[in-house]
């Protein structure tokens, strides 16, 4: 009878890596690939990707299953060799991904099937095209969902980081200290005096305690940090005094 070929392309608003990761996530297929009833990964390659996979498909006219042996050219191409099938005598084809830039990808699915059950040619072709098109459209929805989720998580982490920095700045302000600015690795170091209170009567011995005292009631984490800073300040000032004494 020979292979009955069908092909479908779609543009996806997701990075090529996201599209590729979705289409090789075989164990999740039943949750988002409408035609896939079940999957079974029988073997894995050295990178942990499905090597030999059995797919159970609702092909409109009847349910079939077949096993494919996959090979990859990540993230642009997936192909397979037919191993065996029930209701399918042969399967050949590939998935291609083209990076369109701007986190957009064109996906093309080409599949040739030889069915092992008696069906009129037009019926088999319509069922094949419908199933293949649905597979690509389902991939589009899943990849775009994953991309949106990733962007949301990234934005959430950035907002959380900014919120944390703002909260720490407010706590430091209430403690009466000025936090040093984050400097580049090659930039000048922040002077220890930047964290010292402006009370000239404070002795070196009292300085760590006084700095910590200003942070009282603002949370254990800030108290612990301010005590450490006070000790560093005291050490730095003591070192300078010793240096001046030696110079004399």
C-alpha atoms as a PDB file:
ATOM      1  CA  UNK A   1       0.000   0.000   0.000  1.00  0.00           C
ATOM      2  CA  UNK A   2       2.887   2.385   0.854  1.00  0.00           C
ATOM      3  CA  UNK A   3       3.143   5.287   3.224  1.00  0.00           C
ATOM      4  CA  UNK A   4       0.400   7.878   3.453  1.00  0.00           C
ATOM      5  CA  UNK A   5       2.156  11.226   3.996  1.00  0.00           C
ATOM      6  CA  UNK A   6       0.923  14.372   5.724  1.00  0.00           C
ATOM      7  CA  UNK A   7       2.650  17.559   6.865  1.00  0.00           C
ATOM      8  CA  UNK A   8       1.703  20.576   8.947  1.00  0.00           C
ATOM      9  CA  UNK A   9       3.589  23.703  10.103  1.00  0.00           C
ATOM     10  CA  UNK A  10       2.753  26.297  12.724  1.00  0.00           C
ATOM     11  CA  UNK A  11       4.434  29.339  14.248  1.00  0.00           C
ATOM     12  CA  UNK A  12       4.801  29.209  18.019  1.00  0.00           C
ATOM     13  CA  UNK A  13       5.355  32.138  20.386  1.00  0.00           C
ATOM     14  CA  UNK A  14       7.989  30.318  22.412  1.00  0.00           C
ATOM     15  CA  UNK A  15      11.772  29.801  22.220  1.00  0.00           C
ATOM     16  CA  UNK A  16      13.014  26.887  20.131  1.00  0.00           C
ATOM     17  CA  UNK A  17      14.446  25.193  23.241  1.00  0.00           C
ATOM     18  CA  UNK A  18      11.012  25.258  24.902  1.00  0.00           C
ATOM     19  CA  UNK A  19       9.355  23.703  21.840  1.00  0.00           C
ATOM     20  CA  UNK A  20      11.968  20.980  21.630  1.00  0.00           C
ATOM     21  CA  UNK A  21      11.740  20.197  25.351  1.00  0.00           C
ATOM     22  CA  UNK A  22       7.949  19.866  25.125  1.00  0.00           C
ATOM     23  CA  UNK A  23       7.882  17.487  22.143  1.00  0.00           C
ATOM     24  CA  UNK A  24      10.365  15.084  23.749  1.00  0.00           C
ATOM     25  CA  UNK A  25       8.548  15.108  27.094  1.00  0.00           C
ATOM     26  CA  UNK A  26       6.772  11.905  26.076  1.00  0.00           C
ATOM     27  CA  UNK A  27       5.494  10.953  29.503  1.00  0.00           C
ATOM     28  CA  UNK A  28       3.367  14.125  29.665  1.00  0.00           C
ATOM     29  CA  UNK A  29       1.786  13.626  26.215  1.00  0.00           C
ATOM     30  CA  UNK A  30      -1.509  12.211  27.532  1.00  0.00           C
ATOM     31  CA  UNK A  31      -2.109  15.456  29.478  1.00  0.00           C
ATOM     32  CA  UNK A  32      -1.798  17.801  26.470  1.00  0.00           C
ATOM     33  CA  UNK A  33      -1.627  15.807  23.227  1.00  0.00           C
ATOM     34  CA  UNK A  34      -5.292  15.246  22.394  1.00  0.00           C
ATOM     35  CA  UNK A  35      -4.781  12.109  20.278  1.00  0.00           C
ATOM     36  CA  UNK A  36      -2.360  10.385  22.665  1.00  0.00           C
ATOM     37  CA  UNK A  37      -4.064   7.970  25.020  1.00  0.00           C
ATOM     38  CA  UNK A  38      -0.896   6.734  26.723  1.00  0.00           C
ATOM     39  CA  UNK A  39       2.885   6.532  26.320  1.00  0.00           C
ATOM     40  CA  UNK A  40       5.599   4.223  27.555  1.00  0.00           C
ATOM     41  CA  UNK A  41       9.300   5.084  27.426  1.00  0.00           C
ATOM     42  CA  UNK A  42      11.083   1.762  26.929  1.00  0.00           C
ATOM     43  CA  UNK A  43      14.654   3.038  26.679  1.00  0.00           C
ATOM     44  CA  UNK A  44      16.643   6.251  27.200  1.00  0.00           C
ATOM     45  CA  UNK A  45      19.683   7.716  25.463  1.00  0.00           C
ATOM     46  CA  UNK A  46      22.864   8.936  27.186  1.00  0.00           C
ATOM     47  CA  UNK A  47      21.335  12.414  27.692  1.00  0.00           C
ATOM     48  CA  UNK A  48      18.215  11.104  29.409  1.00  0.00           C
ATOM     49  CA  UNK A  49      15.949  11.597  26.372  1.00  0.00           C
ATOM     50  CA  UNK A  50      13.471   8.947  25.281  1.00  0.00           C
ATOM     51  CA  UNK A  51      15.189   6.575  22.868  1.00  0.00           C
ATOM     52  CA  UNK A  52      12.563   3.904  22.312  1.00  0.00           C
ATOM     53  CA  UNK A  53       8.971   4.990  22.963  1.00  0.00           C
ATOM     54  CA  UNK A  54       5.592   3.284  22.553  1.00  0.00           C
ATOM     55  CA  UNK A  55       2.702   5.586  21.674  1.00  0.00           C
ATOM     56  CA  UNK A  56      -0.972   4.692  22.042  1.00  0.00           C
ATOM     57  CA  UNK A  57      -3.006   6.842  19.634  1.00  0.00           C
ATOM     58  CA  UNK A  58      -6.695   7.509  19.099  1.00  0.00           C
ATOM     59  CA  UNK A  59      -6.584   7.778  15.303  1.00  0.00           C
ATOM     60  CA  UNK A  60     -10.273   8.720  14.896  1.00  0.00           C
ATOM     61  CA  UNK A  61     -11.208   5.517  13.074  1.00  0.00           C
ATOM     62  CA  UNK A  62      -9.690   3.251  15.710  1.00  0.00           C
ATOM     63  CA  UNK A  63      -7.032   3.174  18.421  1.00  0.00           C
ATOM     64  CA  UNK A  64      -3.564   2.058  17.393  1.00  0.00           C
ATOM     65  CA  UNK A  65      -0.153   1.822  19.009  1.00  0.00           C
ATOM     66  CA  UNK A  66       3.361   1.732  17.664  1.00  0.00           C
ATOM     67  CA  UNK A  67       6.938   1.875  18.919  1.00  0.00           C
ATOM     68  CA  UNK A  68       9.491   4.328  17.526  1.00  0.00           C
ATOM     69  CA  UNK A  69      13.263   4.538  17.959  1.00  0.00           C
ATOM     70  CA  UNK A  70      14.150   8.243  18.197  1.00  0.00           C
ATOM     71  CA  UNK A  71      17.300  10.183  17.303  1.00  0.00           C
ATOM     72  CA  UNK A  72      17.927  13.875  17.917  1.00  0.00           C
ATOM     73  CA  UNK A  73      19.734  16.881  16.508  1.00  0.00           C
ATOM     74  CA  UNK A  74      18.878  19.192  19.387  1.00  0.00           C
ATOM     75  CA  UNK A  75      17.133  21.619  19.222  1.00  0.00           C
ATOM     76  CA  UNK A  76      16.261  21.603  15.521  1.00  0.00           C
ATOM     77  CA  UNK A  77      15.365  18.058  14.438  1.00  0.00           C
ATOM     78  CA  UNK A  78      13.826  14.822  15.706  1.00  0.00           C
ATOM     79  CA  UNK A  79      13.533  11.686  13.580  1.00  0.00           C
ATOM     80  CA  UNK A  80      12.630   8.092  14.241  1.00  0.00           C
ATOM     81  CA  UNK A  81      12.763   4.523  12.972  1.00  0.00           C
ATOM     82  CA  UNK A  82       9.681   2.332  13.117  1.00  0.00           C
ATOM     83  CA  UNK A  83      10.112  -0.688  15.405  1.00  0.00           C
ATOM     84  CA  UNK A  84       6.699  -2.359  15.567  1.00  0.00           C
ATOM     85  CA  UNK A  85       3.011  -1.539  15.754  1.00  0.00           C
ATOM     86  CA  UNK A  86      -0.569  -2.740  16.214  1.00  0.00           C
ATOM     87  CA  UNK A  87      -2.785  -1.336  13.490  1.00  0.00           C
ATOM     88  CA  UNK A  88       0.270   0.370  11.957  1.00  0.00           C
ATOM     89  CA  UNK A  89       2.666  -1.385   9.582  1.00  0.00           C
ATOM     90  CA  UNK A  90       5.176   1.440   9.130  1.00  0.00           C
ATOM     91  CA  UNK A  91       5.854   5.013  10.229  1.00  0.00           C
ATOM     92  CA  UNK A  92       8.435   7.474   8.998  1.00  0.00           C
ATOM     93  CA  UNK A  93       8.986  11.224   9.298  1.00  0.00           C
ATOM     94  CA  UNK A  94      10.484  13.993  11.412  1.00  0.00           C
ATOM     95  CA  UNK A  95       9.860  17.094  13.504  1.00  0.00           C
ATOM     96  CA  UNK A  96      11.723  20.257  12.449  1.00  0.00           C
ATOM     97  CA  UNK A  97      12.121  23.457  14.475  1.00  0.00           C
ATOM     98  CA  UNK A  98      13.265  26.778  13.016  1.00  0.00           C
ATOM     99  CA  UNK A  99      14.271  29.692  15.251  1.00  0.00           C
ATOM    100  CA  UNK A 100      12.468  32.787  13.927  1.00  0.00           C
ATOM    101  CA  UNK A 101      14.030  35.143  16.475  1.00  0.00           C
ATOM    102  CA  UNK A 102      12.269  37.084  19.202  1.00  0.00           C
ATOM    103  CA  UNK A 103      11.412  33.850  21.068  1.00  0.00           C
ATOM    104  CA  UNK A 104       9.342  32.585  18.131  1.00  0.00           C
ATOM    105  CA  UNK A 105       9.672  29.183  16.467  1.00  0.00           C
ATOM    106  CA  UNK A 106       8.299  27.468  13.386  1.00  0.00           C
ATOM    107  CA  UNK A 107       7.475  23.796  13.970  1.00  0.00           C
ATOM    108  CA  UNK A 108       6.934  21.370  11.081  1.00  0.00           C
ATOM    109  CA  UNK A 109       5.679  17.811  11.571  1.00  0.00           C
ATOM    110  CA  UNK A 110       5.932  15.399   8.663  1.00  0.00           C
ATOM    111  CA  UNK A 111       4.674  11.861   9.099  1.00  0.00           C
ATOM    112  CA  UNK A 112       4.110   8.946   6.769  1.00  0.00           C
ATOM    113  CA  UNK A 113       2.003   6.008   7.958  1.00  0.00           C
ATOM    114  CA  UNK A 114       1.049   2.678   6.515  1.00  0.00           C
ATOM    115  CA  UNK A 115      -2.006   1.408   8.315  1.00  0.00           C
ATOM    116  CA  UNK A 116      -2.442  -2.277   8.939  1.00  0.00           C
ATOM    117  CA  UNK A 117      -6.242  -2.292   8.872  1.00  0.00           C
ATOM    118  CA  UNK A 118      -8.520  -2.182   5.848  1.00  0.00           C
ATOM    119  CA  UNK A 119      -9.751   1.383   5.375  1.00  0.00           C
ATOM    120  CA  UNK A 120     -10.866   3.301   2.321  1.00  0.00           C
ATOM    121  CA  UNK A 121      -8.024   5.557   1.131  1.00  0.00           C
ATOM    122  CA  UNK A 122      -9.865   8.865   1.588  1.00  0.00           C
ATOM    123  CA  UNK A 123     -10.912   7.931   5.131  1.00  0.00           C
ATOM    124  CA  UNK A 124      -7.374   6.958   6.108  1.00  0.00           C
ATOM    125  CA  UNK A 125      -5.919  10.162   4.646  1.00  0.00           C
ATOM    126  CA  UNK A 126      -8.439  12.433   6.392  1.00  0.00           C
ATOM    127  CA  UNK A 127      -7.886  10.706   9.725  1.00  0.00           C
ATOM    128  CA  UNK A 128      -4.123  10.928   9.313  1.00  0.00           C
ATOM    129  CA  UNK A 129      -4.115  14.639   8.411  1.00  0.00           C
ATOM    130  CA  UNK A 130      -6.522  15.503  11.193  1.00  0.00           C
ATOM    131  CA  UNK A 131      -4.483  13.658  13.825  1.00  0.00           C
ATOM    132  CA  UNK A 132      -1.182  15.143  12.628  1.00  0.00           C
ATOM    133  CA  UNK A 133      -2.517  18.718  12.514  1.00  0.00           C
ATOM    134  CA  UNK A 134      -3.980  18.318  15.986  1.00  0.00           C
ATOM    135  CA  UNK A 135      -0.606  17.148  17.288  1.00  0.00           C
ATOM    136  CA  UNK A 136       1.171  20.279  16.037  1.00  0.00           C
ATOM    137  CA  UNK A 137      -1.553  22.614  17.314  1.00  0.00           C
ATOM    138  CA  UNK A 138      -1.406  20.897  20.701  1.00  0.00           C
ATOM    139  CA  UNK A 139       2.371  21.425  20.741  1.00  0.00           C
ATOM    140  CA  UNK A 140       1.842  25.135  20.042  1.00  0.00           C
ATOM    141  CA  UNK A 141      -0.490  25.504  23.030  1.00  0.00           C
ATOM    142  CA  UNK A 142       1.777  23.542  25.363  1.00  0.00           C
ATOM    143  CA  UNK A 143       5.013  25.318  24.349  1.00  0.00           C
ATOM    144  CA  UNK A 144       3.373  28.743  24.668  1.00  0.00           C
ATOM    145  CA  UNK A 145       1.983  27.763  28.072  1.00  0.00           C
ATOM    146  CA  UNK A 146       5.462  26.706  29.228  1.00  0.00           C
ATOM    147  CA  UNK A 147       7.045  29.894  27.868  1.00  0.00           C
ATOM    148  CA  UNK A 148       4.447  32.092  29.601  1.00  0.00           C
ATOM    149  CA  UNK A 149       4.945  30.201  32.869  1.00  0.00           C
ATOM    150  CA  UNK A 150       8.720  30.636  32.612  1.00  0.00           C
ATOM    151  CA  UNK A 151       8.405  34.376  31.952  1.00  0.00           C
ATOM    152  CA  UNK A 152       5.992  34.769  34.868  1.00  0.00           C
ATOM    153  CA  UNK A 153       8.368  32.944  37.206  1.00  0.00           C
ATOM    154  CA  UNK A 154      11.309  35.052  36.020  1.00  0.00           C
ATOM    155  CA  UNK A 155       9.396  38.305  36.507  1.00  0.00           C
ATOM    156  CA  UNK A 156       8.203  37.135  39.902  1.00  0.00           C
ATOM    157  CA  UNK A 157      11.745  36.363  41.048  1.00  0.00           C
ATOM    158  CA  UNK A 158      12.952  39.788  39.854  1.00  0.00           C
ATOM    159  CA  UNK A 159      10.106  41.528  41.676  1.00  0.00           C
ATOM    160  CA  UNK A 160      10.763  39.503  44.816  1.00  0.00           C
ATOM    161  CA  UNK A 161      14.470  40.399  44.727  1.00  0.00           C
ATOM    162  CA  UNK A 162      13.654  44.097  44.360  1.00  0.00           C
ATOM    163  CA  UNK A 163      11.117  43.873  47.192  1.00  0.00           C
ATOM    164  CA  UNK A 164      13.720  42.218  49.425  1.00  0.00           C
ATOM    165  CA  UNK A 165      16.289  44.946  48.714  1.00  0.00           C
ATOM    166  CA  UNK A 166      13.701  47.643  49.435  1.00  0.00           C
ATOM    167  CA  UNK A 167      12.673  46.016  52.714  1.00  0.00           C
ATOM    168  CA  UNK A 168      16.307  45.698  53.852  1.00  0.00           C
ATOM    169  CA  UNK A 169      16.959  49.353  52.994  1.00  0.00           C
ATOM    170  CA  UNK A 170      13.955  50.450  55.091  1.00  0.00           C
ATOM    171  CA  UNK A 171      15.071  48.305  58.039  1.00  0.00           C
ATOM    172  CA  UNK A 172      18.586  49.753  57.836  1.00  0.00           C
ATOM    173  CA  UNK A 173      17.149  53.270  57.762  1.00  0.00           C
ATOM    174  CA  UNK A 174      15.098  52.581  60.876  1.00  0.00           C
ATOM    175  CA  UNK A 175      18.235  51.207  62.553  1.00  0.00           C
ATOM    176  CA  UNK A 176      20.014  54.535  61.927  1.00  0.00           C
ATOM    177  CA  UNK A 177      22.695  53.106  59.639  1.00  0.00           C
ATOM    178  CA  UNK A 178      23.427  53.594  55.979  1.00  0.00           C
ATOM    179  CA  UNK A 179      24.078  50.356  54.080  1.00  0.00           C
ATOM    180  CA  UNK A 180      27.123  50.474  51.797  1.00  0.00           C
ATOM    181  CA  UNK A 181      26.411  50.491  48.067  1.00  0.00           C
ATOM    182  CA  UNK A 182      27.126  47.323  46.140  1.00  0.00           C
ATOM    183  CA  UNK A 183      30.343  48.002  44.246  1.00  0.00           C
ATOM    184  CA  UNK A 184      31.695  46.241  41.166  1.00  0.00           C
ATOM    185  CA  UNK A 185      34.435  43.676  41.800  1.00  0.00           C
ATOM    186  CA  UNK A 186      37.117  45.975  40.365  1.00  0.00           C
ATOM    187  CA  UNK A 187      35.685  49.180  41.914  1.00  0.00           C
ATOM    188  CA  UNK A 188      36.768  50.981  45.075  1.00  0.00           C
ATOM    189  CA  UNK A 189      36.024  49.356  48.416  1.00  0.00           C
ATOM    190  CA  UNK A 190      33.444  50.919  50.752  1.00  0.00           C
ATOM    191  CA  UNK A 191      34.991  52.616  53.761  1.00  0.00           C
ATOM    192  CA  UNK A 192      34.190  51.149  57.165  1.00  0.00           C
ATOM    193  CA  UNK A 193      33.162  54.596  58.471  1.00  0.00           C
ATOM    194  CA  UNK A 194      30.150  54.557  56.135  1.00  0.00           C
ATOM    195  CA  UNK A 195      28.439  52.241  58.601  1.00  0.00           C
ATOM    196  CA  UNK A 196      29.565  54.045  61.769  1.00  0.00           C
ATOM    197  CA  UNK A 197      26.973  56.030  63.792  1.00  0.00           C
ATOM    198  CA  UNK A 198      27.563  59.766  63.912  1.00  0.00           C
ATOM    199  CA  UNK A 199      27.915  59.904  67.741  1.00  0.00           C
ATOM    200  CA  UNK A 200      31.525  60.883  68.549  1.00  0.00           C
ATOM    201  CA  UNK A 201      31.122  59.775  72.163  1.00  0.00           C
ATOM    202  CA  UNK A 202      30.825  56.115  71.204  1.00  0.00           C
ATOM    203  CA  UNK A 203      33.891  54.107  72.235  1.00  0.00           C
ATOM    204  CA  UNK A 204      35.343  51.321  70.130  1.00  0.00           C
ATOM    205  CA  UNK A 205      34.215  48.777  72.686  1.00  0.00           C
ATOM    206  CA  UNK A 206      30.673  50.152  72.689  1.00  0.00           C
ATOM    207  CA  UNK A 207      30.343  50.527  68.916  1.00  0.00           C
ATOM    208  CA  UNK A 208      29.148  46.953  68.013  1.00  0.00           C
ATOM    209  CA  UNK A 209      26.620  46.979  70.836  1.00  0.00           C
ATOM    210  CA  UNK A 210      25.307  50.450  69.959  1.00  0.00           C
ATOM    211  CA  UNK A 211      24.877  49.585  66.292  1.00  0.00           C
ATOM    212  CA  UNK A 212      23.043  46.379  67.215  1.00  0.00           C
ATOM    213  CA  UNK A 213      20.917  48.294  69.699  1.00  0.00           C
ATOM    214  CA  UNK A 214      19.614  50.566  66.977  1.00  0.00           C
ATOM    215  CA  UNK A 215      18.402  47.485  65.130  1.00  0.00           C
ATOM    216  CA  UNK A 216      16.547  46.117  68.175  1.00  0.00           C
ATOM    217  CA  UNK A 217      13.024  45.010  67.386  1.00  0.00           C
ATOM    218  CA  UNK A 218      13.658  44.976  63.631  1.00  0.00           C
ATOM    219  CA  UNK A 219      14.266  41.244  63.285  1.00  0.00           C
ATOM    220  CA  UNK A 220      16.958  38.713  64.186  1.00  0.00           C
ATOM    221  CA  UNK A 221      18.503  38.660  60.702  1.00  0.00           C
ATOM    222  CA  UNK A 222      19.191  42.408  60.681  1.00  0.00           C
ATOM    223  CA  UNK A 223      20.528  42.378  64.260  1.00  0.00           C
ATOM    224  CA  UNK A 224      22.935  39.602  63.356  1.00  0.00           C
ATOM    225  CA  UNK A 225      24.135  41.488  60.278  1.00  0.00           C
ATOM    226  CA  UNK A 226      24.524  44.813  62.107  1.00  0.00           C
ATOM    227  CA  UNK A 227      26.494  43.218  64.976  1.00  0.00           C
ATOM    228  CA  UNK A 228      28.879  41.739  62.425  1.00  0.00           C
ATOM    229  CA  UNK A 229      29.234  45.102  60.708  1.00  0.00           C
ATOM    230  CA  UNK A 230      29.892  46.827  64.038  1.00  0.00           C
ATOM    231  CA  UNK A 231      32.678  44.384  64.833  1.00  0.00           C
ATOM    232  CA  UNK A 232      34.231  44.970  61.439  1.00  0.00           C
ATOM    233  CA  UNK A 233      34.047  48.742  61.932  1.00  0.00           C
ATOM    234  CA  UNK A 234      35.684  48.508  65.348  1.00  0.00           C
ATOM    235  CA  UNK A 235      38.463  46.364  63.930  1.00  0.00           C
ATOM    236  CA  UNK A 236      39.054  48.726  61.041  1.00  0.00           C
ATOM    237  CA  UNK A 237      39.228  51.821  63.308  1.00  0.00           C
ATOM    238  CA  UNK A 238      41.543  50.077  65.772  1.00  0.00           C
ATOM    239  CA  UNK A 239      43.861  49.125  62.942  1.00  0.00           C
ATOM    240  CA  UNK A 240      44.033  52.739  61.768  1.00  0.00           C
ATOM    241  CA  UNK A 241      44.835  53.989  65.271  1.00  0.00           C
ATOM    242  CA  UNK A 242      47.646  51.476  65.580  1.00  0.00           C
ATOM    243  CA  UNK A 243      49.029  52.605  62.267  1.00  0.00           C
ATOM    244  CA  UNK A 244      49.001  56.239  63.343  1.00  0.00           C
ATOM    245  CA  UNK A 245      50.767  55.315  66.600  1.00  0.00           C
ATOM    246  CA  UNK A 246      53.521  53.491  64.734  1.00  0.00           C
ATOM    247  CA  UNK A 247      53.965  56.450  62.400  1.00  0.00           C
ATOM    248  CA  UNK A 248      54.688  58.691  65.374  1.00  0.00           C
END
